[in-house]
Amino acid sequence: MTKPRFLHTMIGVFDLDRSIDFYTKHMGMTLLCRKDYE
């Protein structure tokens, strides 16, 4: 049996660069894909 994992996650934010910095540097997450929607 394989362990469960996320396939897709999205969080809406006001400052994308600041949020990416927080989640990658402080939470240890890895950015896999970035799409900017205007």
N, C-alpha and C. Protein backbone atom coordinates (compact mmCIF):
# COMPACT_ATOMS: atom_id res chain seq x y z
N MET A 1 0.85 -1.18 0.00
CA MET A 1 0.00 0.00 0.00
C MET A 1 0.90 1.25 0.00
N THR A 2 0.58 2.21 -0.86
CA THR A 2 1.34 3.46 -0.90
C THR A 2 0.76 4.46 0.07
N LYS A 3 1.60 5.35 0.56
CA LYS A 3 1.11 6.37 1.49
C LYS A 3 0.39 7.48 0.72
N PRO A 4 -0.63 8.08 1.31
CA PRO A 4 -1.36 9.15 0.62
C PRO A 4 -0.49 10.39 0.43
N ARG A 5 -0.75 11.12 -0.63
CA ARG A 5 -0.02 12.36 -0.88
C ARG A 5 -0.92 13.32 -1.65
N PHE A 6 -0.56 14.59 -1.67
CA PHE A 6 -1.34 15.59 -2.38
C PHE A 6 -1.04 15.53 -3.87
N LEU A 7 -2.09 15.68 -4.68
CA LEU A 7 -1.91 15.74 -6.12
C LEU A 7 -1.89 17.19 -6.58
N HIS A 8 -2.72 18.03 -5.96
CA HIS A 8 -2.82 19.43 -6.37
C HIS A 8 -3.25 20.26 -5.17
N THR A 9 -2.55 21.34 -4.93
CA THR A 9 -2.91 22.26 -3.86
C THR A 9 -2.73 23.68 -4.36
N MET A 10 -3.67 24.56 -4.01
CA MET A 10 -3.57 25.96 -4.42
C MET A 10 -4.03 26.84 -3.26
N ILE A 11 -3.29 27.91 -3.01
CA ILE A 11 -3.63 28.87 -1.97
C ILE A 11 -3.62 30.25 -2.60
N GLY A 12 -4.74 30.96 -2.52
CA GLY A 12 -4.80 32.33 -3.04
C GLY A 12 -4.15 33.30 -2.06
N VAL A 13 -3.24 34.14 -2.54
CA VAL A 13 -2.52 35.09 -1.69
C VAL A 13 -2.44 36.45 -2.38
N PHE A 14 -2.14 37.49 -1.60
CA PHE A 14 -2.00 38.84 -2.16
C PHE A 14 -0.58 39.11 -2.65
N ASP A 15 0.42 38.59 -1.96
CA ASP A 15 1.83 38.82 -2.33
C ASP A 15 2.48 37.46 -2.60
N LEU A 16 2.49 37.05 -3.86
CA LEU A 16 2.95 35.72 -4.23
C LEU A 16 4.42 35.49 -3.89
N ASP A 17 5.28 36.44 -4.20
CA ASP A 17 6.72 36.26 -3.92
C ASP A 17 6.99 36.11 -2.43
N ARG A 18 6.32 36.90 -1.62
CA ARG A 18 6.50 36.80 -0.17
C ARG A 18 5.99 35.46 0.36
N SER A 19 4.88 35.00 -0.17
CA SER A 19 4.32 33.72 0.26
C SER A 19 5.22 32.56 -0.14
N ILE A 20 5.75 32.59 -1.36
CA ILE A 20 6.67 31.54 -1.81
C ILE A 20 7.90 31.52 -0.91
N ASP A 21 8.43 32.68 -0.58
CA ASP A 21 9.58 32.77 0.32
C ASP A 21 9.28 32.12 1.66
N PHE A 22 8.13 32.41 2.23
CA PHE A 22 7.75 31.85 3.53
C PHE A 22 7.62 30.33 3.47
N TYR A 23 6.85 29.83 2.52
CA TYR A 23 6.59 28.39 2.46
C TYR A 23 7.82 27.57 2.09
N THR A 24 8.70 28.11 1.27
CA THR A 24 9.89 27.35 0.89
C THR A 24 11.01 27.46 1.93
N LYS A 25 11.27 28.66 2.44
CA LYS A 25 12.38 28.84 3.38
C LYS A 25 12.04 28.46 4.81
N HIS A 26 10.82 28.75 5.25
CA HIS A 26 10.47 28.56 6.65
C HIS A 26 9.66 27.29 6.92
N MET A 27 8.90 26.83 5.93
CA MET A 27 8.08 25.63 6.13
C MET A 27 8.69 24.40 5.47
N GLY A 28 9.78 24.60 4.70
CA GLY A 28 10.48 23.47 4.09
C GLY A 28 9.79 22.86 2.88
N MET A 29 8.83 23.57 2.29
CA MET A 29 8.12 23.05 1.12
C MET A 29 8.92 23.33 -0.15
N THR A 30 8.57 22.62 -1.21
CA THR A 30 9.22 22.78 -2.50
C THR A 30 8.22 23.31 -3.51
N LEU A 31 8.59 24.35 -4.23
CA LEU A 31 7.73 24.90 -5.28
C LEU A 31 7.89 24.04 -6.53
N LEU A 32 6.80 23.43 -6.98
CA LEU A 32 6.86 22.56 -8.15
C LEU A 32 6.41 23.28 -9.41
N CYS A 33 5.47 24.21 -9.27
CA CYS A 33 4.93 24.91 -10.43
C CYS A 33 4.40 26.26 -9.98
N ARG A 34 4.59 27.26 -10.82
CA ARG A 34 4.08 28.59 -10.49
C ARG A 34 3.31 29.13 -11.68
N LYS A 35 2.07 29.55 -11.45
CA LYS A 35 1.25 30.17 -12.49
C LYS A 35 0.70 31.47 -11.94
N ASP A 36 0.94 32.55 -12.64
CA ASP A 36 0.43 33.86 -12.22
C ASP A 36 -0.86 34.15 -12.98
N TYR A 37 -1.93 34.39 -12.25
CA TYR A 37 -3.21 34.74 -12.84
C TYR A 37 -3.51 36.19 -12.52
N GLU A 38 -3.85 36.96 -13.53
CA GLU A 38 -4.15 38.38 -13.31
C GLU A 38 -5.60 38.66 -13.58
